[in-house]
Amino acid sequence: VSGSISFGESYDKEIANQRQARMDG
């Protein structure tokens, strides 16, 4: 987490990446 992105935004992006990976699989 950097100072320009809030923890919530970072978490949301990680969850979105995980969902996309599952859909790709």
mmCIF file of all heavy atoms, coordinates in Angstrom:
data_MODEL
# 
_entry.id   MODEL 
# 
loop_
_atom_site.group_PDB 
_atom_site.id 
_atom_site.type_symbol 
_atom_site.label_atom_id 
_atom_site.label_alt_id 
_atom_site.label_comp_id 
_atom_site.label_asym_id 
_atom_site.label_entity_id 
_atom_site.label_seq_id 
_atom_site.pdbx_PDB_ins_code 
_atom_site.Cartn_x 
_atom_site.Cartn_y 
_atom_site.Cartn_z 
_atom_site.occupancy 
_atom_site.B_iso_or_equiv 
_atom_site.pdbx_formal_charge 
_atom_site.auth_seq_id 
_atom_site.auth_comp_id 
_atom_site.auth_asym_id 
_atom_site.auth_atom_id 
_atom_site.pdbx_PDB_model_num 
ATOM 1   N N   . VAL A 1 1  ? 0.853   -1.184  0.000   1.00 0.00 ? 1  VAL A N   1 
ATOM 2   C CA  . VAL A 1 1  ? 0.000   0.000   0.000   1.00 0.00 ? 1  VAL A CA  1 
ATOM 3   C C   . VAL A 1 1  ? 0.889   1.233   0.000   1.00 0.00 ? 1  VAL A C   1 
ATOM 4   O O   . VAL A 1 1  ? 1.753   1.389   0.835   1.00 0.00 ? 1  VAL A O   1 
ATOM 5   C CB  . VAL A 1 1  ? -0.936  0.016   1.233   1.00 0.00 ? 1  VAL A CB  1 
ATOM 6   C CG1 . VAL A 1 1  ? -1.789  1.263   1.235   1.00 0.00 ? 1  VAL A CG1 1 
ATOM 7   C CG2 . VAL A 1 1  ? -1.782  -1.230  1.272   1.00 0.00 ? 1  VAL A CG2 1 
ATOM 8   N N   . SER A 1 2  ? 0.652   2.086   -0.981  1.00 0.00 ? 2  SER A N   1 
ATOM 9   C CA  . SER A 1 2  ? 1.430   3.329   -1.014  1.00 0.00 ? 2  SER A CA  1 
ATOM 10  C C   . SER A 1 2  ? 0.578   4.455   -0.434  1.00 0.00 ? 2  SER A C   1 
ATOM 11  O O   . SER A 1 2  ? -0.605  4.293   -0.192  1.00 0.00 ? 2  SER A O   1 
ATOM 12  C CB  . SER A 1 2  ? 1.837   3.666   -2.446  1.00 0.00 ? 2  SER A CB  1 
ATOM 13  O OG  . SER A 1 2  ? 0.701   4.020   -3.203  1.00 0.00 ? 2  SER A OG  1 
ATOM 14  N N   . GLY A 1 3  ? 1.173   5.613   -0.280  1.00 0.00 ? 3  GLY A N   1 
ATOM 15  C CA  . GLY A 1 3  ? 0.453   6.745   0.281   1.00 0.00 ? 3  GLY A CA  1 
ATOM 16  C C   . GLY A 1 3  ? -0.617  7.286   -0.634  1.00 0.00 ? 3  GLY A C   1 
ATOM 17  O O   . GLY A 1 3  ? -1.579  7.898   -0.190  1.00 0.00 ? 3  GLY A O   1 
ATOM 18  N N   . SER A 1 4  ? -0.524  7.032   -1.962  1.00 0.00 ? 4  SER A N   1 
ATOM 19  C CA  . SER A 1 4  ? -1.498  7.587   -2.896  1.00 0.00 ? 4  SER A CA  1 
ATOM 20  C C   . SER A 1 4  ? -2.739  6.709   -3.045  1.00 0.00 ? 4  SER A C   1 
ATOM 21  O O   . SER A 1 4  ? -3.759  7.163   -3.515  1.00 0.00 ? 4  SER A O   1 
ATOM 22  C CB  . SER A 1 4  ? -0.846  7.812   -4.261  1.00 0.00 ? 4  SER A CB  1 
ATOM 23  O OG  . SER A 1 4  ? -0.434  6.574   -4.804  1.00 0.00 ? 4  SER A OG  1 
ATOM 24  N N   . ILE A 1 5  ? -2.651  5.470   -2.661  1.00 0.00 ? 5  ILE A N   1 
ATOM 25  C CA  . ILE A 1 5  ? -3.806  4.561   -2.764  1.00 0.00 ? 5  ILE A CA  1 
ATOM 26  C C   . ILE A 1 5  ? -4.197  4.140   -1.357  1.00 0.00 ? 5  ILE A C   1 
ATOM 27  O O   . ILE A 1 5  ? -3.374  3.696   -0.567  1.00 0.00 ? 5  ILE A O   1 
ATOM 28  C CB  . ILE A 1 5  ? -3.454  3.314   -3.593  1.00 0.00 ? 5  ILE A CB  1 
ATOM 29  C CG1 . ILE A 1 5  ? -3.057  3.694   -5.009  1.00 0.00 ? 5  ILE A CG1 1 
ATOM 30  C CG2 . ILE A 1 5  ? -4.625  2.364   -3.623  1.00 0.00 ? 5  ILE A CG2 1 
ATOM 31  C CD1 . ILE A 1 5  ? -2.627  2.516   -5.862  1.00 0.00 ? 5  ILE A CD1 1 
ATOM 32  N N   . SER A 1 6  ? -5.456  4.271   -1.081  1.00 0.00 ? 6  SER A N   1 
ATOM 33  C CA  . SER A 1 6  ? -5.920  3.882   0.253   1.00 0.00 ? 6  SER A CA  1 
ATOM 34  C C   . SER A 1 6  ? -5.917  2.360   0.387   1.00 0.00 ? 6  SER A C   1 
ATOM 35  O O   . SER A 1 6  ? -5.901  1.627   -0.598  1.00 0.00 ? 6  SER A O   1 
ATOM 36  C CB  . SER A 1 6  ? -7.326  4.425   0.501   1.00 0.00 ? 6  SER A CB  1 
ATOM 37  O OG  . SER A 1 6  ? -8.271  3.691   -0.258  1.00 0.00 ? 6  SER A OG  1 
ATOM 38  N N   . PHE A 1 7  ? -5.938  1.889   1.602   1.00 0.00 ? 7  PHE A N   1 
ATOM 39  C CA  . PHE A 1 7  ? -5.958  0.457   1.869   1.00 0.00 ? 7  PHE A CA  1 
ATOM 40  C C   . PHE A 1 7  ? -7.183  -0.185  1.209   1.00 0.00 ? 7  PHE A C   1 
ATOM 41  O O   . PHE A 1 7  ? -7.084  -1.254  0.614   1.00 0.00 ? 7  PHE A O   1 
ATOM 42  C CB  . PHE A 1 7  ? -5.963  0.206   3.381   1.00 0.00 ? 7  PHE A CB  1 
ATOM 43  C CG  . PHE A 1 7  ? -6.063  -1.249  3.731   1.00 0.00 ? 7  PHE A CG  1 
ATOM 44  C CD1 . PHE A 1 7  ? -4.952  -2.068  3.592   1.00 0.00 ? 7  PHE A CD1 1 
ATOM 45  C CD2 . PHE A 1 7  ? -7.254  -1.804  4.153   1.00 0.00 ? 7  PHE A CD2 1 
ATOM 46  C CE1 . PHE A 1 7  ? -5.028  -3.415  3.892   1.00 0.00 ? 7  PHE A CE1 1 
ATOM 47  C CE2 . PHE A 1 7  ? -7.333  -3.149  4.456   1.00 0.00 ? 7  PHE A CE2 1 
ATOM 48  C CZ  . PHE A 1 7  ? -6.223  -3.960  4.329   1.00 0.00 ? 7  PHE A CZ  1 
ATOM 49  N N   . GLY A 1 8  ? -8.318  0.470   1.284   1.00 0.00 ? 8  GLY A N   1 
ATOM 50  C CA  . GLY A 1 8  ? -9.557  -0.072  0.706   1.00 0.00 ? 8  GLY A CA  1 
ATOM 51  C C   . GLY A 1 8  ? -9.451  -0.249  -0.798  1.00 0.00 ? 8  GLY A C   1 
ATOM 52  O O   . GLY A 1 8  ? -9.886  -1.263  -1.349  1.00 0.00 ? 8  GLY A O   1 
ATOM 53  N N   . GLU A 1 9  ? -8.880  0.730   -1.478  1.00 0.00 ? 9  GLU A N   1 
ATOM 54  C CA  . GLU A 1 9  ? -8.725  0.639   -2.926  1.00 0.00 ? 9  GLU A CA  1 
ATOM 55  C C   . GLU A 1 9  ? -7.778  -0.499  -3.291  1.00 0.00 ? 9  GLU A C   1 
ATOM 56  O O   . GLU A 1 9  ? -8.020  -1.250  -4.239  1.00 0.00 ? 9  GLU A O   1 
ATOM 57  C CB  . GLU A 1 9  ? -8.184  1.952   -3.490  1.00 0.00 ? 9  GLU A CB  1 
ATOM 58  C CG  . GLU A 1 9  ? -9.183  3.098   -3.466  1.00 0.00 ? 9  GLU A CG  1 
ATOM 59  C CD  . GLU A 1 9  ? -8.533  4.391   -3.953  1.00 0.00 ? 9  GLU A CD  1 
ATOM 60  O OE1 . GLU A 1 9  ? -8.084  4.422   -5.114  1.00 0.00 ? 9  GLU A OE1 1 
ATOM 61  O OE2 . GLU A 1 9  ? -8.470  5.332   -3.146  1.00 0.00 ? 9  GLU A OE2 1 
ATOM 62  N N   . SER A 1 10 ? -6.694  -0.614  -2.552  1.00 0.00 ? 10 SER A N   1 
ATOM 63  C CA  . SER A 1 10 ? -5.728  -1.673  -2.795  1.00 0.00 ? 10 SER A CA  1 
ATOM 64  C C   . SER A 1 10 ? -6.377  -3.043  -2.588  1.00 0.00 ? 10 SER A C   1 
ATOM 65  O O   . SER A 1 10 ? -6.186  -3.962  -3.389  1.00 0.00 ? 10 SER A O   1 
ATOM 66  C CB  . SER A 1 10 ? -4.539  -1.512  -1.861  1.00 0.00 ? 10 SER A CB  1 
ATOM 67  O OG  . SER A 1 10 ? -3.597  -2.534  -2.066  1.00 0.00 ? 10 SER A OG  1 
ATOM 68  N N   . TYR A 1 11 ? -7.162  -3.169  -1.545  1.00 0.00 ? 11 TYR A N   1 
ATOM 69  C CA  . TYR A 1 11 ? -7.860  -4.423  -1.245  1.00 0.00 ? 11 TYR A CA  1 
ATOM 70  C C   . TYR A 1 11 ? -8.842  -4.757  -2.369  1.00 0.00 ? 11 TYR A C   1 
ATOM 71  O O   . TYR A 1 11 ? -8.903  -5.890  -2.842  1.00 0.00 ? 11 TYR A O   1 
ATOM 72  C CB  . TYR A 1 11 ? -8.584  -4.299  0.099   1.00 0.00 ? 11 TYR A CB  1 
ATOM 73  C CG  . TYR A 1 11 ? -9.374  -5.519  0.484   1.00 0.00 ? 11 TYR A CG  1 
ATOM 74  C CD1 . TYR A 1 11 ? -8.742  -6.632  1.035   1.00 0.00 ? 11 TYR A CD1 1 
ATOM 75  C CD2 . TYR A 1 11 ? -10.755 -5.570  0.290   1.00 0.00 ? 11 TYR A CD2 1 
ATOM 76  C CE1 . TYR A 1 11 ? -9.455  -7.757  1.388   1.00 0.00 ? 11 TYR A CE1 1 
ATOM 77  C CE2 . TYR A 1 11 ? -11.483 -6.691  0.634   1.00 0.00 ? 11 TYR A CE2 1 
ATOM 78  C CZ  . TYR A 1 11 ? -10.829 -7.790  1.180   1.00 0.00 ? 11 TYR A CZ  1 
ATOM 79  O OH  . TYR A 1 11 ? -11.544 -8.892  1.527   1.00 0.00 ? 11 TYR A OH  1 
ATOM 80  N N   . ASP A 1 12 ? -9.604  -3.751  -2.801  1.00 0.00 ? 12 ASP A N   1 
ATOM 81  C CA  . ASP A 1 12 ? -10.573 -3.961  -3.867  1.00 0.00 ? 12 ASP A CA  1 
ATOM 82  C C   . ASP A 1 12 ? -9.895  -4.422  -5.151  1.00 0.00 ? 12 ASP A C   1 
ATOM 83  O O   . ASP A 1 12 ? -10.401 -5.307  -5.853  1.00 0.00 ? 12 ASP A O   1 
ATOM 84  C CB  . ASP A 1 12 ? -11.374 -2.682  -4.138  1.00 0.00 ? 12 ASP A CB  1 
ATOM 85  C CG  . ASP A 1 12 ? -12.334 -2.338  -3.008  1.00 0.00 ? 12 ASP A CG  1 
ATOM 86  O OD1 . ASP A 1 12 ? -12.603 -3.220  -2.164  1.00 0.00 ? 12 ASP A OD1 1 
ATOM 87  O OD2 . ASP A 1 12 ? -12.812 -1.185  -2.981  1.00 0.00 ? 12 ASP A OD2 1 
ATOM 88  N N   . LYS A 1 13 ? -8.751  -3.840  -5.474  1.00 0.00 ? 13 LYS A N   1 
ATOM 89  C CA  . LYS A 1 13 ? -8.016  -4.240  -6.674  1.00 0.00 ? 13 LYS A CA  1 
ATOM 90  C C   . LYS A 1 13 ? -7.531  -5.677  -6.562  1.00 0.00 ? 13 LYS A C   1 
ATOM 91  O O   . LYS A 1 13 ? -7.586  -6.445  -7.523  1.00 0.00 ? 13 LYS A O   1 
ATOM 92  C CB  . LYS A 1 13 ? -6.841  -3.301  -6.922  1.00 0.00 ? 13 LYS A CB  1 
ATOM 93  C CG  . LYS A 1 13 ? -7.264  -1.950  -7.451  1.00 0.00 ? 13 LYS A CG  1 
ATOM 94  C CD  . LYS A 1 13 ? -6.062  -1.066  -7.721  1.00 0.00 ? 13 LYS A CD  1 
ATOM 95  C CE  . LYS A 1 13 ? -6.538  0.311   -8.209  1.00 0.00 ? 13 LYS A CE  1 
ATOM 96  N NZ  . LYS A 1 13 ? -5.406  1.186   -8.519  1.00 0.00 ? 13 LYS A NZ  1 
ATOM 97  N N   . GLU A 1 14 ? -7.045  -6.052  -5.378  1.00 0.00 ? 14 GLU A N   1 
ATOM 98  C CA  . GLU A 1 14 ? -6.563  -7.423  -5.163  1.00 0.00 ? 14 GLU A CA  1 
ATOM 99  C C   . GLU A 1 14 ? -7.707  -8.420  -5.306  1.00 0.00 ? 14 GLU A C   1 
ATOM 100 O O   . GLU A 1 14 ? -7.559  -9.470  -5.954  1.00 0.00 ? 14 GLU A O   1 
ATOM 101 C CB  . GLU A 1 14 ? -5.910  -7.558  -3.792  1.00 0.00 ? 14 GLU A CB  1 
ATOM 102 C CG  . GLU A 1 14 ? -5.403  -8.957  -3.472  1.00 0.00 ? 14 GLU A CG  1 
ATOM 103 C CD  . GLU A 1 14 ? -4.323  -9.432  -4.428  1.00 0.00 ? 14 GLU A CD  1 
ATOM 104 O OE1 . GLU A 1 14 ? -3.609  -8.604  -5.003  1.00 0.00 ? 14 GLU A OE1 1 
ATOM 105 O OE2 . GLU A 1 14 ? -4.213  -10.664 -4.605  1.00 0.00 ? 14 GLU A OE2 1 
ATOM 106 N N   . ILE A 1 15 ? -8.854  -8.099  -4.736  1.00 0.00 ? 15 ILE A N   1 
ATOM 107 C CA  . ILE A 1 15 ? -10.028 -8.983  -4.855  1.00 0.00 ? 15 ILE A CA  1 
ATOM 108 C C   . ILE A 1 15 ? -10.443 -9.096  -6.317  1.00 0.00 ? 15 ILE A C   1 
ATOM 109 O O   . ILE A 1 15 ? -10.750 -10.185 -6.809  1.00 0.00 ? 15 ILE A O   1 
ATOM 110 C CB  . ILE A 1 15 ? -11.204 -8.454  -3.987  1.00 0.00 ? 15 ILE A CB  1 
ATOM 111 C CG1 . ILE A 1 15 ? -10.840 -8.517  -2.504  1.00 0.00 ? 15 ILE A CG1 1 
ATOM 112 C CG2 . ILE A 1 15 ? -12.491 -9.218  -4.268  1.00 0.00 ? 15 ILE A CG2 1 
ATOM 113 C CD1 . ILE A 1 15 ? -10.565 -9.912  -1.977  1.00 0.00 ? 15 ILE A CD1 1 
ATOM 114 N N   . ALA A 1 16 ? -10.444 -7.982  -7.046  1.00 0.00 ? 16 ALA A N   1 
ATOM 115 C CA  . ALA A 1 16 ? -10.803 -8.003  -8.466  1.00 0.00 ? 16 ALA A CA  1 
ATOM 116 C C   . ALA A 1 16 ? -9.822  -8.864  -9.258  1.00 0.00 ? 16 ALA A C   1 
ATOM 117 O O   . ALA A 1 16 ? -10.228 -9.636  -10.139 1.00 0.00 ? 16 ALA A O   1 
ATOM 118 C CB  . ALA A 1 16 ? -10.842 -6.588  -9.022  1.00 0.00 ? 16 ALA A CB  1 
ATOM 119 N N   . ASN A 1 17 ? -8.536  -8.773  -8.945  1.00 0.00 ? 17 ASN A N   1 
ATOM 120 C CA  . ASN A 1 17 ? -7.524  -9.594  -9.619  1.00 0.00 ? 17 ASN A CA  1 
ATOM 121 C C   . ASN A 1 17 ? -7.737  -11.076 -9.344  1.00 0.00 ? 17 ASN A C   1 
ATOM 122 O O   . ASN A 1 17 ? -7.604  -11.917 -10.239 1.00 0.00 ? 17 ASN A O   1 
ATOM 123 C CB  . ASN A 1 17 ? -6.115  -9.173  -9.197  1.00 0.00 ? 17 ASN A CB  1 
ATOM 124 C CG  . ASN A 1 17 ? -5.695  -7.845  -9.779  1.00 0.00 ? 17 ASN A CG  1 
ATOM 125 O OD1 . ASN A 1 17 ? -6.238  -7.398  -10.785 1.00 0.00 ? 17 ASN A OD1 1 
ATOM 126 N ND2 . ASN A 1 17 ? -4.716  -7.207  -9.148  1.00 0.00 ? 17 ASN A ND2 1 
ATOM 127 N N   . GLN A 1 18 ? -8.069  -11.408 -8.110  1.00 0.00 ? 18 GLN A N   1 
ATOM 128 C CA  . GLN A 1 18 ? -8.316  -12.805 -7.752  1.00 0.00 ? 18 GLN A CA  1 
ATOM 129 C C   . GLN A 1 18 ? -9.548  -13.343 -8.485  1.00 0.00 ? 18 GLN A C   1 
ATOM 130 O O   . GLN A 1 18 ? -9.539  -14.464 -8.977  1.00 0.00 ? 18 GLN A O   1 
ATOM 131 C CB  . GLN A 1 18 ? -8.490  -12.943 -6.242  1.00 0.00 ? 18 GLN A CB  1 
ATOM 132 C CG  . GLN A 1 18 ? -7.209  -12.751 -5.465  1.00 0.00 ? 18 GLN A CG  1 
ATOM 133 C CD  . GLN A 1 18 ? -7.429  -12.800 -3.961  1.00 0.00 ? 18 GLN A CD  1 
ATOM 134 O OE1 . GLN A 1 18 ? -8.536  -13.016 -3.473  1.00 0.00 ? 18 GLN A OE1 1 
ATOM 135 N NE2 . GLN A 1 18 ? -6.351  -12.581 -3.207  1.00 0.00 ? 18 GLN A NE2 1 
ATOM 136 N N   . ARG A 1 19 ? -10.588 -12.534 -8.539  1.00 0.00 ? 19 ARG A N   1 
ATOM 137 C CA  . ARG A 1 19 ? -11.802 -12.967 -9.257  1.00 0.00 ? 19 ARG A CA  1 
ATOM 138 C C   . ARG A 1 19 ? -11.508 -13.187 -10.731 1.00 0.00 ? 19 ARG A C   1 
ATOM 139 O O   . ARG A 1 19 ? -11.971 -14.156 -11.334 1.00 0.00 ? 19 ARG A O   1 
ATOM 140 C CB  . ARG A 1 19 ? -12.907 -11.923 -9.089  1.00 0.00 ? 19 ARG A CB  1 
ATOM 141 C CG  . ARG A 1 19 ? -13.540 -11.939 -7.733  1.00 0.00 ? 19 ARG A CG  1 
ATOM 142 C CD  . ARG A 1 19 ? -14.679 -10.950 -7.634  1.00 0.00 ? 19 ARG A CD  1 
ATOM 143 N NE  . ARG A 1 19 ? -15.233 -10.970 -6.289  1.00 0.00 ? 19 ARG A NE  1 
ATOM 144 C CZ  . ARG A 1 19 ? -15.759 -9.925  -5.699  1.00 0.00 ? 19 ARG A CZ  1 
ATOM 145 N NH1 . ARG A 1 19 ? -15.833 -8.764  -6.315  1.00 0.00 ? 19 ARG A NH1 1 
ATOM 146 N NH2 . ARG A 1 19 ? -16.237 -10.031 -4.475  1.00 0.00 ? 19 ARG A NH2 1 
ATOM 147 N N   . GLN A 1 20 ? -10.752 -12.277 -11.326 1.00 0.00 ? 20 GLN A N   1 
ATOM 148 C CA  . GLN A 1 20 ? -10.403 -12.415 -12.740 1.00 0.00 ? 20 GLN A CA  1 
ATOM 149 C C   . GLN A 1 20 ? -9.579  -13.674 -12.981 1.00 0.00 ? 20 GLN A C   1 
ATOM 150 O O   . GLN A 1 20 ? -9.790  -14.388 -13.954 1.00 0.00 ? 20 GLN A O   1 
ATOM 151 C CB  . GLN A 1 20 ? -9.650  -11.178 -13.242 1.00 0.00 ? 20 GLN A CB  1 
ATOM 152 C CG  . GLN A 1 20 ? -9.391  -11.191 -14.742 1.00 0.00 ? 20 GLN A CG  1 
ATOM 153 C CD  . GLN A 1 20 ? -10.662 -11.232 -15.552 1.00 0.00 ? 20 GLN A CD  1 
ATOM 154 O OE1 . GLN A 1 20 ? -11.583 -10.455 -15.310 1.00 0.00 ? 20 GLN A OE1 1 
ATOM 155 N NE2 . GLN A 1 20 ? -10.730 -12.141 -16.503 1.00 0.00 ? 20 GLN A NE2 1 
ATOM 156 N N   . ALA A 1 21 ? -8.655  -13.950 -12.087 1.00 0.00 ? 21 ALA A N   1 
ATOM 157 C CA  . ALA A 1 21 ? -7.828  -15.153 -12.217 1.00 0.00 ? 21 ALA A CA  1 
ATOM 158 C C   . ALA A 1 21 ? -8.701  -16.408 -12.153 1.00 0.00 ? 21 ALA A C   1 
ATOM 159 O O   . ALA A 1 21 ? -8.500  -17.354 -12.917 1.00 0.00 ? 21 ALA A O   1 
ATOM 160 C CB  . ALA A 1 21 ? -6.759  -15.183 -11.133 1.00 0.00 ? 21 ALA A CB  1 
ATOM 161 N N   . ARG A 1 22 ? -9.677  -16.421 -11.234 1.00 0.00 ? 22 ARG A N   1 
ATOM 162 C CA  . ARG A 1 22 ? -10.589 -17.569 -11.148 1.00 0.00 ? 22 ARG A CA  1 
ATOM 163 C C   . ARG A 1 22 ? -11.405 -17.720 -12.418 1.00 0.00 ? 22 ARG A C   1 
ATOM 164 O O   . ARG A 1 22 ? -11.595 -18.830 -12.924 1.00 0.00 ? 22 ARG A O   1 
ATOM 165 C CB  . ARG A 1 22 ? -11.514 -17.426 -9.944  1.00 0.00 ? 22 ARG A CB  1 
ATOM 166 C CG  . ARG A 1 22 ? -10.886 -17.858 -8.633  1.00 0.00 ? 22 ARG A CG  1 
ATOM 167 C CD  . ARG A 1 22 ? -11.924 -18.040 -7.541  1.00 0.00 ? 22 ARG A CD  1 
ATOM 168 N NE  . ARG A 1 22 ? -12.605 -16.814 -7.187  1.00 0.00 ? 22 ARG A NE  1 
ATOM 169 C CZ  . ARG A 1 22 ? -12.215 -15.953 -6.261  1.00 0.00 ? 22 ARG A CZ  1 
ATOM 170 N NH1 . ARG A 1 22 ? -11.113 -16.203 -5.584  1.00 0.00 ? 22 ARG A NH1 1 
ATOM 171 N NH2 . ARG A 1 22 ? -12.891 -14.865 -6.002  1.00 0.00 ? 22 ARG A NH2 1 
ATOM 172 N N   . MET A 1 23 ? -11.901 -16.609 -12.956 1.00 0.00 ? 23 MET A N   1 
ATOM 173 C CA  . MET A 1 23 ? -12.696 -16.666 -14.189 1.00 0.00 ? 23 MET A CA  1 
ATOM 174 C C   . MET A 1 23 ? -11.838 -17.154 -15.355 1.00 0.00 ? 23 MET A C   1 
ATOM 175 O O   . MET A 1 23 ? -12.295 -17.954 -16.168 1.00 0.00 ? 23 MET A O   1 
ATOM 176 C CB  . MET A 1 23 ? -13.294 -15.293 -14.508 1.00 0.00 ? 23 MET A CB  1 
ATOM 177 C CG  . MET A 1 23 ? -14.434 -14.896 -13.594 1.00 0.00 ? 23 MET A CG  1 
ATOM 178 S SD  . MET A 1 23 ? -15.801 -16.088 -13.575 1.00 0.00 ? 23 MET A SD  1 
ATOM 179 C CE  . MET A 1 23 ? -16.352 -16.010 -15.264 1.00 0.00 ? 23 MET A CE  1 
ATOM 180 N N   . ASP A 1 24 ? -10.596 -16.676 -15.438 1.00 0.00 ? 24 ASP A N   1 
ATOM 181 C CA  . ASP A 1 24 ? -9.696  -17.130 -16.497 1.00 0.00 ? 24 ASP A CA  1 
ATOM 182 C C   . ASP A 1 24 ? -9.468  -18.634 -16.389 1.00 0.00 ? 24 ASP A C   1 
ATOM 183 O O   . ASP A 1 24 ? -9.498  -19.354 -17.391 1.00 0.00 ? 24 ASP A O   1 
ATOM 184 C CB  . ASP A 1 24 ? -8.359  -16.387 -16.431 1.00 0.00 ? 24 ASP A CB  1 
ATOM 185 C CG  . ASP A 1 24 ? -8.473  -14.916 -16.812 1.00 0.00 ? 24 ASP A CG  1 
ATOM 186 O OD1 . ASP A 1 24 ? -9.520  -14.509 -17.366 1.00 0.00 ? 24 ASP A OD1 1 
ATOM 187 O OD2 . ASP A 1 24 ? -7.515  -14.166 -16.536 1.00 0.00 ? 24 ASP A OD2 1 
ATOM 188 N N   . GLY A 1 25 ? -9.244  -19.118 -15.172 1.00 0.00 ? 25 GLY A N   1 
ATOM 189 C CA  . GLY A 1 25 ? -9.046  -20.547 -14.955 1.00 0.00 ? 25 GLY A CA  1 
ATOM 190 C C   . GLY A 1 25 ? -10.288 -21.350 -15.285 1.00 0.00 ? 25 GLY A C   1 
ATOM 191 O O   . GLY A 1 25 ? -10.210 -22.423 -15.886 1.00 0.00 ? 25 GLY A O   1 
# 
